Protein backbone atom coordinates (compact mmCIF):
# COMPACT_ATOMS: atom_id res chain seq x y z
CA MET A 1 -0.02 0.08 0.07
CA GLY A 2 2.96 2.66 0.67
CA HIS A 3 5.14 3.69 3.38
CA ILE A 4 4.81 6.17 6.04
CA LEU A 5 7.84 8.22 7.28
CA ILE A 6 7.60 9.39 10.95
CA VAL A 7 10.65 11.19 12.10
CA SER A 8 10.70 11.41 16.04
CA ASP A 9 13.36 12.28 18.84
CA LEU A 10 11.44 9.85 21.26
CA ASP A 11 13.36 7.26 22.97
CA ARG A 12 10.74 4.70 22.26
CA PRO A 13 10.42 1.55 19.63
CA PRO A 14 9.14 2.46 16.30
CA GLU A 15 5.84 0.45 16.92
CA ALA A 16 5.14 2.66 19.74
CA VAL A 17 5.75 6.13 17.97
CA TYR A 18 3.50 4.63 15.15
CA LEU A 19 0.71 4.04 17.71
CA LEU A 20 1.14 7.51 19.20
CA TYR A 21 0.67 9.02 15.71
CA LYS A 22 -2.47 6.69 15.08
CA ARG A 23 -3.81 7.98 18.49
CA ARG A 24 -3.29 11.72 17.77
CA ASP A 25 -4.86 11.35 14.25
CA LYS A 26 -8.08 9.78 15.99
CA VAL A 27 -8.15 12.81 18.20
CA GLU A 28 -8.06 15.24 15.30
CA LYS A 29 -10.59 13.62 13.54
CA GLN A 30 -12.97 13.46 16.43
CA PHE A 31 -12.44 17.17 17.12
CA GLU A 32 -13.28 17.95 13.82
CA VAL A 33 -16.60 15.93 14.17
CA TRP A 34 -17.36 17.67 17.53
CA LYS A 35 -17.05 21.05 15.70
CA SER A 36 -19.18 20.22 13.05
CA THR A 37 -21.66 18.84 15.53
CA LEU A 38 -21.58 22.12 17.50
CA GLN A 39 -21.48 24.30 14.32
CA ALA A 40 -18.25 25.66 15.63
CA ASP A 41 -16.65 26.34 12.28
CA ARG A 42 -14.06 29.01 11.84
CA THR A 43 -16.19 31.22 9.31
CA TRP A 44 -18.98 31.54 11.81
CA LEU A 45 -17.11 32.35 15.08
CA ARG A 46 -13.87 33.87 13.29
CA ASP A 47 -11.16 33.33 15.93
CA ASP A 48 -9.86 30.66 18.42
CA VAL A 49 -11.17 32.50 21.28
CA GLY A 50 -14.61 32.19 19.96
CA ILE A 51 -14.34 28.67 19.11
CA PHE A 52 -13.25 27.96 22.88
CA GLY A 53 -15.90 30.06 24.29
CA HIS A 54 -18.59 28.17 22.21
CA VAL A 55 -17.02 24.85 23.06
CA PHE A 56 -16.49 25.42 26.68
CA VAL A 57 -20.22 26.91 27.12
């Protein structure tokens, strides 16, 4: 299927670094889903402070 190149200065085995990368990707995708669910996109709220306030409330 292909290759993935991950450069890291962590003192961990390659498998552990890859699992961290996969977990980070899942978090980012879930955050996008939550923003869509809350209708908290940047064009409507305009800045990071607005998004934070909307999500916090």
